[in-house]
N, C-alpha and C. Protein backbone atom coordinates (compact mmCIF):
# COMPACT_ATOMS: atom_id res chain seq x y z
N MET A 1 0.81 -1.19 0.00
CA MET A 1 0.00 0.00 0.00
C MET A 1 0.86 1.26 0.00
N ALA A 2 1.99 1.23 0.72
CA ALA A 2 2.86 2.40 0.76
C ALA A 2 3.41 2.71 -0.63
N GLY A 3 3.77 1.67 -1.37
CA GLY A 3 4.27 1.88 -2.73
C GLY A 3 3.24 2.53 -3.62
N LEU A 4 1.98 2.13 -3.45
CA LEU A 4 0.90 2.71 -4.23
C LEU A 4 0.76 4.19 -3.90
N MET A 5 0.85 4.55 -2.65
CA MET A 5 0.73 5.95 -2.25
C MET A 5 1.87 6.77 -2.83
N LEU A 6 3.09 6.22 -2.87
CA LEU A 6 4.20 6.95 -3.45
C LEU A 6 3.95 7.21 -4.93
N ASP A 7 3.42 6.20 -5.63
CA ASP A 7 3.12 6.37 -7.04
C ASP A 7 2.07 7.45 -7.24
N VAL A 8 1.05 7.43 -6.42
CA VAL A 8 -0.01 8.42 -6.54
C VAL A 8 0.52 9.81 -6.24
N CYS A 9 1.35 9.93 -5.21
CA CYS A 9 1.93 11.23 -4.87
C CYS A 9 2.83 11.74 -5.99
N TYR A 10 3.59 10.86 -6.58
CA TYR A 10 4.48 11.24 -7.67
C TYR A 10 3.68 11.83 -8.83
N VAL A 11 2.58 11.19 -9.14
CA VAL A 11 1.74 11.66 -10.24
C VAL A 11 1.18 13.04 -9.91
N ARG A 12 0.84 13.27 -8.68
CA ARG A 12 0.26 14.56 -8.29
C ARG A 12 1.25 15.71 -8.41
N VAL A 13 2.53 15.46 -8.14
CA VAL A 13 3.50 16.54 -8.13
C VAL A 13 4.26 16.69 -9.44
N MET A 14 4.15 15.72 -10.34
CA MET A 14 4.88 15.79 -11.59
C MET A 14 4.30 16.89 -12.46
N SER A 15 5.16 17.78 -12.91
CA SER A 15 4.74 18.86 -13.78
C SER A 15 4.80 18.37 -15.22
N ILE A 16 3.75 18.62 -15.96
CA ILE A 16 3.69 18.17 -17.34
C ILE A 16 3.48 19.38 -18.23
N LYS A 17 4.26 19.45 -19.30
CA LYS A 17 4.13 20.51 -20.29
C LYS A 17 3.76 19.87 -21.61
N ARG A 18 2.66 20.25 -22.15
CA ARG A 18 2.20 19.69 -23.42
C ARG A 18 2.88 20.43 -24.56
N ILE A 19 3.45 19.67 -25.50
CA ILE A 19 4.04 20.25 -26.69
C ILE A 19 3.49 19.51 -27.91
N THR A 20 3.54 20.16 -29.02
CA THR A 20 3.09 19.55 -30.26
C THR A 20 4.27 19.51 -31.21
N ILE A 21 4.49 18.35 -31.81
CA ILE A 21 5.55 18.21 -32.80
C ILE A 21 4.94 17.65 -34.08
N SER A 22 5.58 17.94 -35.17
CA SER A 22 5.15 17.39 -36.46
C SER A 22 6.24 16.46 -36.96
N VAL A 23 5.84 15.30 -37.40
CA VAL A 23 6.78 14.33 -37.94
C VAL A 23 6.22 13.79 -39.26
N PRO A 24 7.09 13.32 -40.13
CA PRO A 24 6.59 12.73 -41.37
C PRO A 24 5.67 11.54 -41.07
N THR A 25 4.74 11.30 -41.97
CA THR A 25 3.75 10.25 -41.78
C THR A 25 4.39 8.89 -41.52
N ALA A 26 5.41 8.57 -42.29
CA ALA A 26 6.07 7.27 -42.11
C ALA A 26 6.68 7.15 -40.71
N LEU A 27 7.28 8.23 -40.23
CA LEU A 27 7.87 8.21 -38.89
C LEU A 27 6.78 8.08 -37.83
N ALA A 28 5.67 8.75 -38.02
CA ALA A 28 4.56 8.63 -37.07
C ALA A 28 4.10 7.18 -36.96
N GLY A 29 4.03 6.50 -38.09
CA GLY A 29 3.65 5.09 -38.08
C GLY A 29 4.66 4.24 -37.33
N ARG A 30 5.94 4.54 -37.54
CA ARG A 30 7.00 3.78 -36.83
C ARG A 30 6.93 4.03 -35.33
N ILE A 31 6.64 5.27 -34.95
CA ILE A 31 6.54 5.60 -33.52
C ILE A 31 5.38 4.84 -32.89
N LYS A 32 4.23 4.86 -33.54
CA LYS A 32 3.06 4.16 -33.01
C LYS A 32 3.33 2.67 -32.89
N LYS A 33 4.01 2.11 -33.89
CA LYS A 33 4.33 0.69 -33.86
C LYS A 33 5.32 0.38 -32.73
N ALA A 34 6.33 1.22 -32.58
CA ALA A 34 7.32 1.01 -31.53
C ALA A 34 6.71 1.15 -30.14
N ALA A 35 5.75 2.05 -29.99
CA ALA A 35 5.12 2.27 -28.70
C ALA A 35 4.30 1.05 -28.26
N GLY A 36 3.80 0.30 -29.22
CA GLY A 36 3.02 -0.89 -28.88
C GLY A 36 1.81 -0.55 -28.04
N ASP A 37 1.73 -1.19 -26.87
CA ASP A 37 0.58 -0.98 -25.98
C ASP A 37 0.70 0.30 -25.14
N LEU A 38 1.89 0.89 -25.11
CA LEU A 38 2.07 2.13 -24.34
C LEU A 38 1.41 3.30 -25.07
N PRO A 39 0.93 4.27 -24.33
CA PRO A 39 0.49 5.49 -24.99
C PRO A 39 1.70 6.14 -25.69
N VAL A 40 1.49 6.68 -26.87
CA VAL A 40 2.59 7.24 -27.64
C VAL A 40 3.35 8.29 -26.83
N SER A 41 2.65 9.14 -26.10
CA SER A 41 3.34 10.19 -25.33
C SER A 41 4.26 9.58 -24.27
N ALA A 42 3.84 8.49 -23.64
CA ALA A 42 4.68 7.83 -22.64
C ALA A 42 5.91 7.23 -23.30
N TRP A 43 5.73 6.61 -24.47
CA TRP A 43 6.86 6.01 -25.18
C TRP A 43 7.84 7.08 -25.63
N VAL A 44 7.33 8.17 -26.19
CA VAL A 44 8.20 9.26 -26.65
C VAL A 44 8.95 9.85 -25.46
N THR A 45 8.27 10.07 -24.35
CA THR A 45 8.92 10.62 -23.15
C THR A 45 10.05 9.72 -22.69
N GLU A 46 9.78 8.43 -22.59
CA GLU A 46 10.80 7.47 -22.15
C GLU A 46 11.98 7.45 -23.12
N THR A 47 11.69 7.44 -24.41
CA THR A 47 12.74 7.39 -25.42
C THR A 47 13.60 8.66 -25.40
N LEU A 48 12.96 9.80 -25.27
CA LEU A 48 13.71 11.05 -25.22
C LEU A 48 14.55 11.14 -23.94
N GLU A 49 14.00 10.70 -22.81
CA GLU A 49 14.78 10.71 -21.57
C GLU A 49 16.01 9.83 -21.70
N GLU A 50 15.85 8.64 -22.28
CA GLU A 50 16.99 7.75 -22.48
C GLU A 50 18.04 8.41 -23.36
N ARG A 51 17.60 9.01 -24.45
CA ARG A 51 18.53 9.65 -25.39
C ARG A 51 19.26 10.81 -24.76
N LEU A 52 18.53 11.64 -24.01
CA LEU A 52 19.16 12.77 -23.34
C LEU A 52 20.14 12.32 -22.26
N ASN A 53 19.79 11.27 -21.52
CA ASN A 53 20.70 10.73 -20.51
C ASN A 53 21.96 10.17 -21.15
N GLU A 54 21.80 9.47 -22.27
CA GLU A 54 22.96 8.93 -22.99
C GLU A 54 23.85 10.05 -23.49
N ALA A 55 23.27 11.12 -24.01
CA ALA A 55 24.05 12.25 -24.50
C ALA A 55 24.80 12.92 -23.36
N GLU A 56 24.15 13.05 -22.21
CA GLU A 56 24.79 13.66 -21.04
C GLU A 56 25.95 12.79 -20.56
N LEU A 57 25.74 11.48 -20.53
CA LEU A 57 26.79 10.55 -20.13
C LEU A 57 27.96 10.61 -21.12
N GLU A 58 27.66 10.69 -22.40
CA GLU A 58 28.72 10.77 -23.42
C GLU A 58 29.54 12.05 -23.24
N ARG A 59 28.88 13.18 -22.97
CA ARG A 59 29.60 14.44 -22.73
C ARG A 59 30.50 14.32 -21.50
N ALA A 60 29.98 13.70 -20.44
CA ALA A 60 30.78 13.52 -19.22
C ALA A 60 31.97 12.60 -19.50
N TRP A 61 31.75 11.54 -20.28
CA TRP A 61 32.84 10.62 -20.62
C TRP A 61 33.91 11.34 -21.43
N GLN A 62 33.50 12.14 -22.41
CA GLN A 62 34.48 12.86 -23.23
C GLN A 62 35.28 13.84 -22.39
N ALA A 63 34.64 14.52 -21.45
CA ALA A 63 35.34 15.45 -20.56
C ALA A 63 36.34 14.68 -19.69
N PHE A 64 35.92 13.55 -19.15
CA PHE A 64 36.81 12.73 -18.33
C PHE A 64 37.99 12.25 -19.17
N TYR A 65 37.72 11.79 -20.37
CA TYR A 65 38.78 11.27 -21.26
C TYR A 65 39.80 12.36 -21.56
N ARG A 66 39.31 13.59 -21.82
CA ARG A 66 40.22 14.71 -22.07
C ARG A 66 41.08 15.00 -20.85
N ASP A 67 40.47 14.95 -19.66
CA ASP A 67 41.20 15.23 -18.42
C ASP A 67 42.25 14.17 -18.13
N VAL A 68 41.92 12.90 -18.38
CA VAL A 68 42.83 11.80 -18.07
C VAL A 68 43.92 11.70 -19.13
N SER A 69 43.56 11.93 -20.36
CA SER A 69 44.48 11.88 -21.49
C SER A 69 45.30 10.58 -21.51
N PRO A 70 44.62 9.43 -21.70
CA PRO A 70 45.34 8.16 -21.67
C PRO A 70 46.32 8.03 -22.85
N SER A 71 47.40 7.29 -22.60
CA SER A 71 48.37 7.04 -23.67
C SER A 71 47.82 6.00 -24.64
N ARG A 72 48.45 5.86 -25.78
CA ARG A 72 48.01 4.84 -26.74
C ARG A 72 48.10 3.45 -26.12
N ARG A 73 49.11 3.23 -25.32
CA ARG A 73 49.27 1.92 -24.65
C ARG A 73 48.10 1.66 -23.71
N ASP A 74 47.71 2.68 -22.93
CA ASP A 74 46.56 2.54 -22.03
C ASP A 74 45.29 2.20 -22.79
N VAL A 75 45.09 2.89 -23.90
CA VAL A 75 43.90 2.65 -24.72
C VAL A 75 43.92 1.22 -25.27
N ALA A 76 45.07 0.77 -25.76
CA ALA A 76 45.19 -0.58 -26.30
C ALA A 76 44.92 -1.63 -25.23
N LEU A 77 45.45 -1.41 -24.03
CA LEU A 77 45.20 -2.35 -22.92
C LEU A 77 43.71 -2.39 -22.56
N ALA A 78 43.10 -1.23 -22.48
CA ALA A 78 41.68 -1.17 -22.15
C ALA A 78 40.83 -1.83 -23.24
N ASP A 79 41.17 -1.58 -24.50
CA ASP A 79 40.44 -2.21 -25.61
C ASP A 79 40.57 -3.73 -25.55
N GLY A 80 41.77 -4.22 -25.25
CA GLY A 80 41.98 -5.66 -25.14
C GLY A 80 41.15 -6.27 -24.02
N MET A 81 41.13 -5.61 -22.87
CA MET A 81 40.32 -6.10 -21.75
C MET A 81 38.84 -6.11 -22.11
N PHE A 82 38.40 -5.04 -22.76
CA PHE A 82 36.99 -4.95 -23.15
C PHE A 82 36.63 -6.09 -24.10
N LYS A 83 37.46 -6.33 -25.10
CA LYS A 83 37.18 -7.39 -26.07
C LYS A 83 37.14 -8.76 -25.39
N ARG A 84 38.09 -9.01 -24.49
CA ARG A 84 38.09 -10.29 -23.78
C ARG A 84 36.85 -10.45 -22.92
N LEU A 85 36.49 -9.41 -22.21
CA LEU A 85 35.34 -9.49 -21.31
C LEU A 85 34.02 -9.61 -22.07
N THR A 86 33.86 -8.87 -23.13
CA THR A 86 32.60 -8.92 -23.87
C THR A 86 32.50 -10.17 -24.73
N LYS A 87 33.59 -10.69 -25.19
CA LYS A 87 33.59 -11.93 -25.99
C LYS A 87 33.09 -13.08 -25.13
N ARG A 88 33.61 -13.18 -23.94
CA ARG A 88 33.24 -14.26 -23.03
C ARG A 88 31.76 -14.14 -22.64
N GLY A 89 31.29 -12.94 -22.39
CA GLY A 89 29.90 -12.74 -22.03
C GLY A 89 28.95 -13.09 -23.14
N SER A 90 29.34 -12.81 -24.39
CA SER A 90 28.45 -13.09 -25.51
C SER A 90 28.36 -14.59 -25.79
N ARG A 91 29.40 -15.32 -25.49
CA ARG A 91 29.35 -16.78 -25.69
C ARG A 91 28.33 -17.43 -24.77
N ARG A 92 28.26 -16.93 -23.52
CA ARG A 92 27.30 -17.50 -22.58
C ARG A 92 25.88 -17.27 -23.04
N GLY A 93 25.61 -16.13 -23.66
CA GLY A 93 24.26 -15.81 -24.07
C GLY A 93 23.78 -16.55 -25.31
N THR A 94 24.69 -17.17 -26.06
CA THR A 94 24.31 -17.82 -27.31
C THR A 94 24.04 -19.30 -27.17
N ALA A 95 24.32 -19.87 -26.01
CA ALA A 95 24.17 -21.32 -25.85
C ALA A 95 22.73 -21.77 -25.81
């Protein structure tokens, strides 16, 4: 019951701004299809939040990378570790 009350309270305090956008007909169809059972506005909101968060994370990563300024050797070592780690993980998922 407490969880339900938190959800209800969240809905009450969330500020919503209605905007109108125009998209090509084909894109509108793709959006509706991608949204599936979700209301289109909820799907678009979720998708835009994800994209904006990814962009913010990418900007933070680029700033960190500039500050650290890794050597070519460091980059090669990190790339090798990444390839080894992701290769092993993908094998488990394909069985």
